[in-house]
Amino acid sequence: MNIESRKVSTSKSSEELFTFLTSLNNYEQLMPENTEKFEIDGDSFIFGLKGMPEIRLVSKGSTPNSEVILGAASSKIPFTLTFKIENSDIQIFFKGDFNPMISMMAKKPLTNFINTLIDNIEKL
């Protein structure tokens, strides 16, 4: 399953966006209002949204000032969140390897989550 956010422009430079997104502490600012849990644990963080299972994300790599990749720590439901930065513009790409049943159930909540992340990045 693939989900793309809209591309947004920010008042930040690509360097500022990259620095912000490579610091896991900053993701708490981007989370939806219904976040019930957010904990940083070394090179990963766990978050839980109301009515959803908790998810642990780890850094999967980056390209300075142009891309930050986070991925699921568990191989049970493998997925990545890629933040593509171009100048002061940013877009989020979700790629998950789910079975059709999980994809059908998860598409709407994941799309809403991705949209919330990009909306909150736009407000930075």
PDB file of N, CA and C in Angstrom:
ATOM      1  N   MET A   1       0.845  -1.166   0.000  1.00  0.00           N
ATOM      2  CA  MET A   1       0.000   0.000   0.000  1.00  0.00           C
ATOM      3  C   MET A   1       0.895   1.234   0.000  1.00  0.00           C
ATOM      4  N   ASN A   2       0.568   2.188  -0.847  1.00  0.00           N
ATOM      5  CA  ASN A   2       1.297   3.447  -0.918  1.00  0.00           C
ATOM      6  C   ASN A   2       0.343   4.611  -0.686  1.00  0.00           C
ATOM      7  N   ILE A   3       0.792   5.566   0.123  1.00  0.00           N
ATOM      8  CA  ILE A   3       0.018   6.779   0.383  1.00  0.00           C
ATOM      9  C   ILE A   3       0.973   7.955   0.240  1.00  0.00           C
ATOM     10  N   GLU A   4       0.535   8.984  -0.464  1.00  0.00           N
ATOM     11  CA  GLU A   4       1.323  10.204  -0.605  1.00  0.00           C
ATOM     12  C   GLU A   4       0.556  11.364  -0.006  1.00  0.00           C
ATOM     13  N   SER A   5       1.272  12.196   0.752  1.00  0.00           N
ATOM     14  CA  SER A   5       0.653  13.425   1.244  1.00  0.00           C
ATOM     15  C   SER A   5       0.701  14.456   0.127  1.00  0.00           C
ATOM     16  N   ARG A   6       0.046  15.554   0.348  1.00  0.00           N
ATOM     17  CA  ARG A   6       0.205  16.677  -0.570  1.00  0.00           C
ATOM     18  C   ARG A   6       1.566  17.300  -0.302  1.00  0.00           C
ATOM     19  N   LYS A   7       2.099  18.006  -1.253  1.00  0.00           N
ATOM     20  CA  LYS A   7       3.371  18.703  -1.071  1.00  0.00           C
ATOM     21  C   LYS A   7       3.050  20.071  -0.478  1.00  0.00           C
ATOM     22  N   VAL A   8       3.770  20.428   0.598  1.00  0.00           N
ATOM     23  CA  VAL A   8       3.529  21.723   1.233  1.00  0.00           C
ATOM     24  C   VAL A   8       4.809  22.553   1.243  1.00  0.00           C
ATOM     25  N   SER A   9       4.612  23.853   1.264  1.00  0.00           N
ATOM     26  CA  SER A   9       5.735  24.787   1.403  1.00  0.00           C
ATOM     27  C   SER A   9       5.789  25.252   2.843  1.00  0.00           C
ATOM     28  N   THR A  10       6.993  25.407   3.344  1.00  0.00           N
ATOM     29  CA  THR A  10       7.175  25.879   4.711  1.00  0.00           C
ATOM     30  C   THR A  10       8.055  27.123   4.695  1.00  0.00           C
ATOM     31  N   SER A  11       8.169  27.746   5.848  1.00  0.00           N
ATOM     32  CA  SER A  11       9.050  28.906   5.968  1.00  0.00           C
ATOM     33  C   SER A  11      10.470  28.487   6.321  1.00  0.00           C
ATOM     34  N   LYS A  12      10.692  27.180   6.407  1.00  0.00           N
ATOM     35  CA  LYS A  12      12.002  26.647   6.780  1.00  0.00           C
ATOM     36  C   LYS A  12      12.803  26.258   5.531  1.00  0.00           C
ATOM     37  N   SER A  13      14.112  26.334   5.643  1.00  0.00           N
ATOM     38  CA  SER A  13      14.985  25.887   4.563  1.00  0.00           C
ATOM     39  C   SER A  13      15.054  24.363   4.580  1.00  0.00           C
ATOM     40  N   SER A  14      15.593  23.784   3.523  1.00  0.00           N
ATOM     41  CA  SER A  14      15.741  22.322   3.483  1.00  0.00           C
ATOM     42  C   SER A  14      16.638  21.849   4.617  1.00  0.00           C
ATOM     43  N   GLU A  15      17.656  22.627   4.947  1.00  0.00           N
ATOM     44  CA  GLU A  15      18.549  22.269   6.046  1.00  0.00           C
ATOM     45  C   GLU A  15      17.818  22.281   7.385  1.00  0.00           C
ATOM     46  N   GLU A  16      16.982  23.304   7.602  1.00  0.00           N
ATOM     47  CA  GLU A  16      16.213  23.384   8.855  1.00  0.00           C
ATOM     48  C   GLU A  16      15.209  22.230   8.955  1.00  0.00           C
ATOM     49  N   LEU A  17      14.520  21.915   7.856  1.00  0.00           N
ATOM     50  CA  LEU A  17      13.570  20.799   7.857  1.00  0.00           C
ATOM     51  C   LEU A  17      14.285  19.479   8.139  1.00  0.00           C
ATOM     52  N   PHE A  18      15.418  19.273   7.493  1.00  0.00           N
ATOM     53  CA  PHE A  18      16.185  18.051   7.689  1.00  0.00           C
ATOM     54  C   PHE A  18      16.620  17.911   9.147  1.00  0.00           C
ATOM     55  N   THR A  19      17.163  18.980   9.707  1.00  0.00           N
ATOM     56  CA  THR A  19      17.609  18.960  11.106  1.00  0.00           C
ATOM     57  C   THR A  19      16.439  18.666  12.038  1.00  0.00           C
ATOM     58  N   PHE A  20      15.288  19.294  11.781  1.00  0.00           N
ATOM     59  CA  PHE A  20      14.090  19.078  12.593  1.00  0.00           C
ATOM     60  C   PHE A  20      13.665  17.602  12.535  1.00  0.00           C
ATOM     61  N   LEU A  21      13.613  17.035  11.338  1.00  0.00           N
ATOM     62  CA  LEU A  21      13.102  15.672  11.158  1.00  0.00           C
ATOM     63  C   LEU A  21      14.084  14.587  11.588  1.00  0.00           C
ATOM     64  N   THR A  22      15.364  14.907  11.697  1.00  0.00           N
ATOM     65  CA  THR A  22      16.317  13.898  12.155  1.00  0.00           C
ATOM     66  C   THR A  22      16.414  13.844  13.673  1.00  0.00           C
ATOM     67  N   SER A  23      15.754  14.768  14.365  1.00  0.00           N
ATOM     68  CA  SER A  23      15.700  14.736  15.826  1.00  0.00           C
ATOM     69  C   SER A  23      14.363  14.123  16.248  1.00  0.00           C
ATOM     70  N   LEU A  24      14.410  12.919  16.804  1.00  0.00           N
ATOM     71  CA  LEU A  24      13.176  12.207  17.153  1.00  0.00           C
ATOM     72  C   LEU A  24      12.319  12.968  18.164  1.00  0.00           C
ATOM     73  N   ASN A  25      12.944  13.799  18.997  1.00  0.00           N
ATOM     74  CA  ASN A  25      12.177  14.589  19.971  1.00  0.00           C
ATOM     75  C   ASN A  25      11.127  15.467  19.300  1.00  0.00           C
ATOM     76  N   ASN A  26      11.386  15.898  18.078  1.00  0.00           N
ATOM     77  CA  ASN A  26      10.493  16.832  17.393  1.00  0.00           C
ATOM     78  C   ASN A  26       9.203  16.196  16.885  1.00  0.00           C
ATOM     79  N   TYR A  27       9.169  14.887  16.773  1.00  0.00           N
ATOM     80  CA  TYR A  27       7.973  14.247  16.219  1.00  0.00           C
ATOM     81  C   TYR A  27       6.756  14.378  17.125  1.00  0.00           C
ATOM     82  N   GLU A  28       6.993  14.591  18.409  1.00  0.00           N
ATOM     83  CA  GLU A  28       5.848  14.784  19.308  1.00  0.00           C
ATOM     84  C   GLU A  28       5.026  16.000  18.887  1.00  0.00           C
ATOM     85  N   GLN A  29       5.689  17.038  18.369  1.00  0.00           N
ATOM     86  CA  GLN A  29       4.996  18.252  17.902  1.00  0.00           C
ATOM     87  C   GLN A  29       4.123  17.975  16.676  1.00  0.00           C
ATOM     88  N   LEU A  30       4.455  16.937  15.922  1.00  0.00           N
ATOM     89  CA  LEU A  30       3.749  16.640  14.677  1.00  0.00           C
ATOM     90  C   LEU A  30       2.585  15.682  14.854  1.00  0.00           C
ATOM     91  N   MET A  31       2.512  15.037  16.011  1.00  0.00           N
ATOM     92  CA  MET A  31       1.495  14.011  16.240  1.00  0.00           C
ATOM     93  C   MET A  31       0.089  14.615  16.311  1.00  0.00           C
ATOM     94  N   PRO A  32      -0.920  13.803  15.960  1.00  0.00           N
ATOM     95  CA  PRO A  32      -2.314  14.255  16.058  1.00  0.00           C
ATOM     96  C   PRO A  32      -2.712  14.544  17.508  1.00  0.00           C
ATOM     97  N   GLU A  33      -3.796  15.287  17.660  1.00  0.00           N
ATOM     98  CA  GLU A  33      -4.287  15.641  18.996  1.00  0.00           C
ATOM     99  C   GLU A  33      -4.697  14.410  19.799  1.00  0.00           C
ATOM    100  N   ASN A  34      -5.116  13.331  19.118  1.00  0.00           N
ATOM    101  CA  ASN A  34      -5.583  12.137  19.838  1.00  0.00           C
ATOM    102  C   ASN A  34      -4.440  11.193  20.208  1.00  0.00           C
ATOM    103  N   THR A  35      -3.209  11.712  20.277  1.00  0.00           N
ATOM    104  CA  THR A  35      -2.070  10.899  20.687  1.00  0.00           C
ATOM    105  C   THR A  35      -2.147  10.656  22.188  1.00  0.00           C
ATOM    106  N   GLU A  36      -2.158   9.394  22.578  1.00  0.00           N
ATOM    107  CA  GLU A  36      -2.247   9.039  23.986  1.00  0.00           C
ATOM    108  C   GLU A  36      -0.882   8.709  24.583  1.00  0.00           C
ATOM    109  N   LYS A  37       0.094   8.377  23.730  1.00  0.00           N
ATOM    110  CA  LYS A  37       1.411   8.000  24.227  1.00  0.00           C
ATOM    111  C   LYS A  37       2.464   8.452  23.228  1.00  0.00           C
ATOM    112  N   PHE A  38       3.559   8.985  23.749  1.00  0.00           N
ATOM    113  CA  PHE A  38       4.729   9.315  22.931  1.00  0.00           C
ATOM    114  C   PHE A  38       5.952   9.182  23.825  1.00  0.00           C
ATOM    115  N   GLU A  39       6.815   8.223  23.498  1.00  0.00           N
ATOM    116  CA  GLU A  39       8.024   7.988  24.294  1.00  0.00           C
ATOM    117  C   GLU A  39       9.206   7.754  23.375  1.00  0.00           C
ATOM    118  N   ILE A  40      10.310   8.414  23.678  1.00  0.00           N
ATOM    119  CA  ILE A  40      11.543   8.214  22.929  1.00  0.00           C
ATOM    120  C   ILE A  40      12.384   7.187  23.666  1.00  0.00           C
ATOM    121  N   ASP A  41      12.947   6.271  22.895  1.00  0.00           N
ATOM    122  CA  ASP A  41      13.764   5.196  23.461  1.00  0.00           C
ATOM    123  C   ASP A  41      15.017   5.045  22.603  1.00  0.00           C
ATOM    124  N   GLY A  42      16.028   5.832  22.882  1.00  0.00           N
ATOM    125  CA  GLY A  42      17.273   5.768  22.109  1.00  0.00           C
ATOM    126  C   GLY A  42      17.082   6.247  20.693  1.00  0.00           C
ATOM    127  N   ASP A  43      17.236   5.341  19.721  1.00  0.00           N
ATOM    128  CA  ASP A  43      17.120   5.712  18.312  1.00  0.00           C
ATOM    129  C   ASP A  43      15.743   5.400  17.736  1.00  0.00           C
ATOM    130  N   SER A  44      14.733   5.292  18.614  1.00  0.00           N
ATOM    131  CA  SER A  44      13.374   5.023  18.164  1.00  0.00           C
ATOM    132  C   SER A  44      12.385   5.769  19.051  1.00  0.00           C
ATOM    133  N   PHE A  45      11.135   5.817  18.595  1.00  0.00           N
ATOM    134  CA  PHE A  45      10.078   6.340  19.451  1.00  0.00           C
ATOM    135  C   PHE A  45       8.818   5.511  19.270  1.00  0.00           C
ATOM    136  N   ILE A  46       8.035   5.480  20.329  1.00  0.00           N
ATOM    137  CA  ILE A  46       6.760   4.764  20.348  1.00  0.00           C
ATOM    138  C   ILE A  46       5.665   5.801  20.457  1.00  0.00           C
ATOM    139  N   PHE A  47       4.619   5.622  19.655  1.00  0.00           N
ATOM    140  CA  PHE A  47       3.463   6.486  19.823  1.00  0.00           C
ATOM    141  C   PHE A  47       2.201   5.650  19.741  1.00  0.00           C
ATOM    142  N   GLY A  48       1.185   6.127  20.414  1.00  0.00           N
ATOM    143  CA  GLY A  48      -0.101   5.453  20.410  1.00  0.00           C
ATOM    144  C   GLY A  48      -1.202   6.467  20.197  1.00  0.00           C
ATOM    145  N   LEU A  49      -2.074   6.179  19.260  1.00  0.00           N
ATOM    146  CA  LEU A  49      -3.227   7.030  19.001  1.00  0.00           C
ATOM    147  C   LEU A  49      -4.456   6.344  19.580  1.00  0.00           C
ATOM    148  N   LYS A  50      -5.403   7.139  20.007  1.00  0.00           N
ATOM    149  CA  LYS A  50      -6.623   6.598  20.604  1.00  0.00           C
ATOM    150  C   LYS A  50      -7.277   5.590  19.656  1.00  0.00           C
ATOM    151  N   GLY A  51      -7.520   4.389  20.167  1.00  0.00           N
ATOM    152  CA  GLY A  51      -8.190   3.350  19.396  1.00  0.00           C
ATOM    153  C   GLY A  51      -7.293   2.598  18.427  1.00  0.00           C
ATOM    154  N   MET A  52      -5.987   2.860  18.460  1.00  0.00           N
ATOM    155  CA  MET A  52      -5.057   2.205  17.542  1.00  0.00           C
ATOM    156  C   MET A  52      -3.948   1.533  18.353  1.00  0.00           C
ATOM    157  N   PRO A  53      -3.309   0.506  17.798  1.00  0.00           N
ATOM    158  CA  PRO A  53      -2.186  -0.109  18.514  1.00  0.00           C
ATOM    159  C   PRO A  53      -0.977   0.826  18.527  1.00  0.00           C
ATOM    160  N   GLU A  54      -0.111   0.643  19.517  1.00  0.00           N
ATOM    161  CA  GLU A  54       1.106   1.452  19.591  1.00  0.00           C
ATOM    162  C   GLU A  54       2.060   1.046  18.478  1.00  0.00           C
ATOM    163  N   ILE A  55       2.802   2.029  17.975  1.00  0.00           N
ATOM    164  CA  ILE A  55       3.748   1.793  16.882  1.00  0.00           C
ATOM    165  C   ILE A  55       5.112   2.330  17.285  1.00  0.00           C
ATOM    166  N   ARG A  56       6.137   1.542  17.040  1.00  0.00           N
ATOM    167  CA  ARG A  56       7.518   1.983  17.278  1.00  0.00           C
ATOM    168  C   ARG A  56       8.158   2.279  15.925  1.00  0.00           C
ATOM    169  N   LEU A  57       8.702   3.490  15.788  1.00  0.00           N
ATOM    170  CA  LEU A  57       9.406   3.895  14.575  1.00  0.00           C
ATOM    171  C   LEU A  57      10.884   4.077  14.866  1.00  0.00           C
ATOM    172  N   VAL A  58      11.701   3.642  13.920  1.00  0.00           N
ATOM    173  CA  VAL A  58      13.149   3.808  14.020  1.00  0.00           C
ATOM    174  C   VAL A  58      13.649   4.518  12.766  1.00  0.00           C
ATOM    175  N   SER A  59      14.787   5.163  12.898  1.00  0.00           N
ATOM    176  CA  SER A  59      15.411   5.801  11.750  1.00  0.00           C
ATOM    177  C   SER A  59      15.944   4.715  10.823  1.00  0.00           C
ATOM    178  N   LYS A  60      15.598   4.807   9.548  1.00  0.00           N
ATOM    179  CA  LYS A  60      16.049   3.838   8.552  1.00  0.00           C
ATOM    180  C   LYS A  60      17.075   4.450   7.600  1.00  0.00           C
ATOM    181  N   GLY A  61      17.395   5.737   7.822  1.00  0.00           N
ATOM    182  CA  GLY A  61      18.398   6.373   6.978  1.00  0.00           C
ATOM    183  C   GLY A  61      17.986   7.773   6.586  1.00  0.00           C
ATOM    184  N   SER A  62      18.932   8.478   5.983  1.00  0.00           N
ATOM    185  CA  SER A  62      18.653   9.836   5.530  1.00  0.00           C
ATOM    186  C   SER A  62      19.680  10.257   4.493  1.00  0.00           C
ATOM    187  N   THR A  63      19.297  11.253   3.733  1.00  0.00           N
ATOM    188  CA  THR A  63      20.185  11.917   2.796  1.00  0.00           C
ATOM    189  C   THR A  63      20.171  13.382   3.189  1.00  0.00           C
ATOM    190  N   PRO A  64      21.317  13.941   3.560  1.00  0.00           N
ATOM    191  CA  PRO A  64      21.342  15.309   4.091  1.00  0.00           C
ATOM    192  C   PRO A  64      20.536  16.304   3.245  1.00  0.00           C
ATOM    193  N   ASN A  65      19.653  17.008   3.961  1.00  0.00           N
ATOM    194  CA  ASN A  65      18.835  18.101   3.427  1.00  0.00           C
ATOM    195  C   ASN A  65      17.839  17.702   2.340  1.00  0.00           C
ATOM    196  N   SER A  66      17.634  16.378   2.114  1.00  0.00           N
ATOM    197  CA  SER A  66      16.671  16.005   1.084  1.00  0.00           C
ATOM    198  C   SER A  66      15.742  14.841   1.450  1.00  0.00           C
ATOM    199  N   GLU A  67      16.130  14.000   2.419  1.00  0.00           N
ATOM    200  CA  GLU A  67      15.284  12.841   2.709  1.00  0.00           C
ATOM    201  C   GLU A  67      15.551  12.296   4.106  1.00  0.00           C
ATOM    202  N   VAL A  68      14.455  11.961   4.803  1.00  0.00           N
ATOM    203  CA  VAL A  68      14.527  11.291   6.094  1.00  0.00           C
ATOM    204  C   VAL A  68      13.573  10.102   6.018  1.00  0.00           C
ATOM    205  N   ILE A  69      14.074   8.919   6.391  1.00  0.00           N
ATOM    206  CA  ILE A  69      13.251   7.706   6.327  1.00  0.00           C
ATOM    207  C   ILE A  69      13.111   7.112   7.718  1.00  0.00           C
ATOM    208  N   LEU A  70      11.855   6.915   8.114  1.00  0.00           N
ATOM    209  CA  LEU A  70      11.526   6.210   9.354  1.00  0.00           C
ATOM    210  C   LEU A  70      10.832   4.917   8.967  1.00  0.00           C
ATOM    211  N   GLY A  71      11.002   3.894   9.779  1.00  0.00           N
ATOM    212  CA  GLY A  71      10.346   2.626   9.481  1.00  0.00           C
ATOM    213  C   GLY A  71       9.874   1.941  10.735  1.00  0.00           C
ATOM    214  N   ALA A  72       9.002   0.977  10.545  1.00  0.00           N
ATOM    215  CA  ALA A  72       8.487   0.191  11.662  1.00  0.00           C
ATOM    216  C   ALA A  72       9.617  -0.638  12.255  1.00  0.00           C
ATOM    217  N   ALA A  73       9.673  -0.684  13.574  1.00  0.00           N
ATOM    218  CA  ALA A  73      10.683  -1.483  14.253  1.00  0.00           C
ATOM    219  C   ALA A  73      10.343  -2.970  14.165  1.00  0.00           C
ATOM    220  N   SER A  74       9.069  -3.282  14.010  1.00  0.00           N
ATOM    221  CA  SER A  74       8.619  -4.672  13.946  1.00  0.00           C
ATOM    222  C   SER A  74       8.508  -5.122  12.494  1.00  0.00           C
ATOM    223  N   SER A  75       8.907  -6.351  12.233  1.00  0.00           N
ATOM    224  CA  SER A  75       8.782  -6.878  10.874  1.00  0.00           C
ATOM    225  C   SER A  75       7.402  -7.496  10.638  1.00  0.00           C
ATOM    226  N   LYS A  76       6.540  -7.489  11.652  1.00  0.00           N
ATOM    227  CA  LYS A  76       5.201  -8.056  11.500  1.00  0.00           C
ATOM    228  C   LYS A  76       4.367  -7.250  10.508  1.00  0.00           C
ATOM    229  N   ILE A  77       4.494  -5.928  10.580  1.00  0.00           N
ATOM    230  CA  ILE A  77       3.791  -5.049   9.652  1.00  0.00           C
ATOM    231  C   ILE A  77       4.828  -4.062   9.113  1.00  0.00           C
ATOM    232  N   PRO A  78       5.580  -4.476   8.096  1.00  0.00           N
ATOM    233  CA  PRO A  78       6.668  -3.628   7.599  1.00  0.00           C
ATOM    234  C   PRO A  78       6.164  -2.420   6.804  1.00  0.00           C
ATOM    235  N   PHE A  79       6.674  -1.248   7.161  1.00  0.00           N
ATOM    236  CA  PHE A  79       6.341  -0.036   6.410  1.00  0.00           C
ATOM    237  C   PHE A  79       7.423   1.012   6.628  1.00  0.00           C
ATOM    238  N   THR A  80       7.446   1.991   5.734  1.00  0.00           N
ATOM    239  CA  THR A  80       8.345   3.136   5.880  1.00  0.00           C
ATOM    240  C   THR A  80       7.566   4.428   5.672  1.00  0.00           C
ATOM    241  N   LEU A  81       8.040   5.462   6.341  1.00  0.00           N
ATOM    242  CA  LEU A  81       7.576   6.836   6.144  1.00  0.00           C
ATOM    243  C   LEU A  81       8.782   7.602   5.617  1.00  0.00           C
ATOM    244  N   THR A  82       8.663   8.145   4.421  1.00  0.00           N
ATOM    245  CA  THR A  82       9.767   8.886   3.822  1.00  0.00           C
ATOM    246  C   THR A  82       9.366  10.347   3.692  1.00  0.00           C
ATOM    247  N   PHE A  83      10.175  11.213   4.257  1.00  0.00           N
ATOM    248  CA  PHE A  83       9.974  12.650   4.166  1.00  0.00           C
ATOM    249  C   PHE A  83      10.917  13.169   3.086  1.00  0.00           C
ATOM    250  N   LYS A  84      10.364  13.610   1.963  1.00  0.00           N
ATOM    251  CA  LYS A  84      11.164  14.137   0.846  1.00  0.00           C
ATOM    252  C   LYS A  84      11.168  15.660   0.931  1.00  0.00           C
ATOM    253  N   ILE A  85      12.369  16.225   0.996  1.00  0.00           N
ATOM    254  CA  ILE A  85      12.543  17.666   1.153  1.00  0.00           C
ATOM    255  C   ILE A  85      13.173  18.228  -0.121  1.00  0.00           C
ATOM    256  N   GLU A  86      12.569  19.297  -0.622  1.00  0.00           N
ATOM    257  CA  GLU A  86      13.121  19.983  -1.789  1.00  0.00           C
ATOM    258  C   GLU A  86      12.975  21.481  -1.548  1.00  0.00           C
ATOM    259  N   ASN A  87      14.106  22.133  -1.311  1.00  0.00           N
ATOM    260  CA  ASN A  87      14.122  23.544  -0.914  1.00  0.00           C
ATOM    261  C   ASN A  87      13.318  23.694   0.376  1.00  0.00           C
ATOM    262  N   SER A  88      12.240  24.475   0.349  1.00  0.00           N
ATOM    263  CA  SER A  88      11.422  24.601   1.562  1.00  0.00           C
ATOM    264  C   SER A  88      10.122  23.806   1.436  1.00  0.00           C
ATOM    265  N   ASP A  89      10.044  22.937   0.434  1.00  0.00           N
ATOM    266  CA  ASP A  89       8.871  22.090   0.223  1.00  0.00           C
ATOM    267  C   ASP A  89       9.124  20.702   0.808  1.00  0.00           C
ATOM    268  N   ILE A  90       8.046  20.074   1.247  1.00  0.00           N
ATOM    269  CA  ILE A  90       8.172  18.732   1.815  1.00  0.00           C
ATOM    270  C   ILE A  90       6.932  17.913   1.474  1.00  0.00           C
ATOM    271  N   GLN A  91       7.138  16.613   1.313  1.00  0.00           N
ATOM    272  CA  GLN A  91       6.056  15.680   1.041  1.00  0.00           C
ATOM    273  C   GLN A  91       6.374  14.374   1.768  1.00  0.00           C
ATOM    274  N   ILE A  92       5.333  13.683   2.233  1.00  0.00           N
ATOM    275  CA  ILE A  92       5.508  12.420   2.959  1.00  0.00           C
ATOM    276  C   ILE A  92       4.986  11.278   2.093  1.00  0.00           C
ATOM    277  N   PHE A  93       5.761  10.187   2.060  1.00  0.00           N
ATOM    278  CA  PHE A  93       5.392   8.986   1.328  1.00  0.00           C
ATOM    279  C   PHE A  93       5.354   7.810   2.300  1.00  0.00           C
ATOM    280  N   PHE A  94       4.225   7.123   2.330  1.00  0.00           N
ATOM    281  CA  PHE A  94       4.061   5.920   3.148  1.00  0.00           C
ATOM    282  C   PHE A  94       4.096   4.728   2.212  1.00  0.00           C
ATOM    283  N   LYS A  95       4.882   3.721   2.576  1.00  0.00           N
ATOM    284  CA  LYS A  95       4.916   2.485   1.802  1.00  0.00           C
ATOM    285  C   LYS A  95       4.848   1.325   2.778  1.00  0.00           C
ATOM    286  N   GLY A  96       3.811   0.516   2.658  1.00  0.00           N
ATOM    287  CA  GLY A  96       3.626  -0.618   3.550  1.00  0.00           C
ATOM    288  C   GLY A  96       3.368  -1.895   2.794  1.00  0.00           C
ATOM    289  N   ASP A  97       3.873  -2.980   3.322  1.00  0.00           N
ATOM    290  CA  ASP A  97       3.691  -4.298   2.722  1.00  0.00           C
ATOM    291  C   ASP A  97       2.650  -5.042   3.557  1.00  0.00           C
ATOM    292  N   PHE A  98       1.379  -4.766   3.276  1.00  0.00           N
ATOM    293  CA  PHE A  98       0.276  -5.334   4.047  1.00  0.00           C
ATOM    294  C   PHE A  98      -0.536  -6.286   3.191  1.00  0.00           C
ATOM    295  N   ASN A  99      -1.195  -7.226   3.879  1.00  0.00           N
ATOM    296  CA  ASN A  99      -2.122  -8.075   3.138  1.00  0.00           C
ATOM    297  C   ASN A  99      -3.367  -7.238   2.796  1.00  0.00           C
ATOM    298  N   PRO A 100      -4.175  -7.698   1.832  1.00  0.00           N
ATOM    299  CA  PRO A 100      -5.325  -6.895   1.382  1.00  0.00           C
ATOM    300  C   PRO A 100      -6.308  -6.528   2.500  1.00  0.00           C
ATOM    301  N   MET A 101      -6.519  -7.426   3.456  1.00  0.00           N
ATOM    302  CA  MET A 101      -7.460  -7.138   4.547  1.00  0.00           C
ATOM    303  C   MET A 101      -6.939  -6.003   5.425  1.00  0.00           C
ATOM    304  N   ILE A 102      -5.668  -6.065   5.822  1.00  0.00           N
ATOM    305  CA  ILE A 102      -5.073  -5.010   6.639  1.00  0.00           C
ATOM    306  C   ILE A 102      -5.069  -3.691   5.863  1.00  0.00           C
ATOM    307  N   SER A 103      -4.736  -3.756   4.571  1.00  0.00           N
ATOM    308  CA  SER A 103      -4.708  -2.553   3.740  1.00  0.00           C
ATOM    309  C   SER A 103      -6.063  -1.870   3.729  1.00  0.00           C
ATOM    310  N   MET A 104      -7.111  -2.656   3.560  1.00  0.00           N
ATOM    311  CA  MET A 104      -8.459  -2.096   3.509  1.00  0.00           C
ATOM    312  C   MET A 104      -8.819  -1.413   4.833  1.00  0.00           C
ATOM    313  N   MET A 105      -8.463  -2.051   5.945  1.00  0.00           N
ATOM    314  CA  MET A 105      -8.810  -1.499   7.260  1.00  0.00           C
ATOM    315  C   MET A 105      -7.938  -0.299   7.623  1.00  0.00           C
ATOM    316  N   ALA A 106      -6.697  -0.292   7.180  1.00  0.00           N
ATOM    317  CA  ALA A 106      -5.740   0.725   7.629  1.00  0.00           C
ATOM    318  C   ALA A 106      -5.644   1.946   6.725  1.00  0.00           C
ATOM    319  N   LYS A 107      -6.130   1.859   5.498  1.00  0.00           N
ATOM    320  CA  LYS A 107      -5.911   2.944   4.541  1.00  0.00           C
ATOM    321  C   LYS A 107      -6.448   4.295   5.028  1.00  0.00           C
ATOM    322  N   LYS A 108      -7.682   4.342   5.486  1.00  0.00           N
ATOM    323  CA  LYS A 108      -8.264   5.622   5.901  1.00  0.00           C
ATOM    324  C   LYS A 108      -7.556   6.191   7.135  1.00  0.00           C
ATOM    325  N   PRO A 109      -7.349   5.410   8.223  1.00  0.00           N
ATOM    326  CA  PRO A 109      -6.644   5.975   9.378  1.00  0.00           C
ATOM    327  C   PRO A 109      -5.210   6.407   9.036  1.00  0.00           C
ATOM    328  N   LEU A 110      -4.524   5.646   8.194  1.00  0.00           N
ATOM    329  CA  LEU A 110      -3.156   6.015   7.811  1.00  0.00           C
ATOM    330  C   LEU A 110      -3.141   7.288   6.968  1.00  0.00           C
ATOM    331  N   THR A 111      -4.098   7.403   6.060  1.00  0.00           N
ATOM    332  CA  THR A 111      -4.189   8.618   5.246  1.00  0.00           C
ATOM    333  C   THR A 111      -4.439   9.829   6.137  1.00  0.00           C
ATOM    334  N   ASN A 112      -5.328   9.690   7.106  1.00  0.00           N
ATOM    335  CA  ASN A 112      -5.596  10.789   8.044  1.00  0.00           C
ATOM    336  C   ASN A 112      -4.351  11.137   8.855  1.00  0.00           C
ATOM    337  N   PHE A 113      -3.615  10.125   9.285  1.00  0.00           N
ATOM    338  CA  PHE A 113      -2.390  10.338  10.055  1.00  0.00           C
ATOM    339  C   PHE A 113      -1.347  11.085   9.221  1.00  0.00           C
ATOM    340  N   ILE A 114      -1.135  10.647   7.987  1.00  0.00           N
ATOM    341  CA  ILE A 114      -0.169  11.295   7.090  1.00  0.00           C
ATOM    342  C   ILE A 114      -0.584  12.743   6.833  1.00  0.00           C
ATOM    343  N   ASN A 115      -1.872  12.970   6.615  1.00  0.00           N
ATOM    344  CA  ASN A 115      -2.361  14.332   6.385  1.00  0.00           C
ATOM    345  C   ASN A 115      -2.144  15.219   7.605  1.00  0.00           C
ATOM    346  N   THR A 116      -2.338  14.674   8.806  1.00  0.00           N
ATOM    347  CA  THR A 116      -2.091  15.438  10.029  1.00  0.00           C
ATOM    348  C   THR A 116      -0.616  15.793  10.162  1.00  0.00           C
ATOM    349  N   LEU A 117       0.264  14.826   9.882  1.00  0.00           N
ATOM    350  CA  LEU A 117       1.702  15.099   9.945  1.00  0.00           C
ATOM    351  C   LEU A 117       2.086  16.235   9.004  1.00  0.00           C
ATOM    352  N   ILE A 118       1.615  16.176   7.761  1.00  0.00           N
ATOM    353  CA  ILE A 118       2.002  17.204   6.786  1.00  0.00           C
ATOM    354  C   ILE A 118       1.387  18.549   7.145  1.00  0.00           C
ATOM    355  N   ASP A 119       0.156  18.547   7.661  1.00  0.00           N
ATOM    356  CA  ASP A 119      -0.464  19.805   8.113  1.00  0.00           C
ATOM    357  C   ASP A 119       0.358  20.438   9.226  1.00  0.00           C
ATOM    358  N   ASN A 120       0.809  19.611  10.176  1.00  0.00           N
ATOM    359  CA  ASN A 120       1.584  20.140  11.301  1.00  0.00           C
ATOM    360  C   ASN A 120       2.974  20.597  10.878  1.00  0.00           C
ATOM    361  N   ILE A 121       3.554  19.938   9.892  1.00  0.00           N
ATOM    362  CA  ILE A 121       4.843  20.396   9.357  1.00  0.00           C
ATOM    363  C   ILE A 121       4.665  21.752   8.683  1.00  0.00           C
ATOM    364  N   GLU A 122       3.565  21.898   7.964  1.00  0.00           N
ATOM    365  CA  GLU A 122       3.301  23.159   7.259  1.00  0.00           C
ATOM    366  C   GLU A 122       3.199  24.334   8.240  1.00  0.00           C
ATOM    367  N   LYS A 123       2.723  24.070   9.462  1.00  0.00           N
ATOM    368  CA  LYS A 123       2.546  25.121  10.465  1.00  0.00           C
ATOM    369  C   LYS A 123       3.842  25.499  11.185  1.00  0.00           C
ATOM    370  N   LEU A 124       4.911  24.731  10.984  1.00  0.00           N
ATOM    371  CA  LEU A 124       6.179  25.014  11.692  1.00  0.00           C
ATOM    372  C   LEU A 124       6.689  26.422  11.389  1.00  0.00           C
TER     373      LEU A 124
END
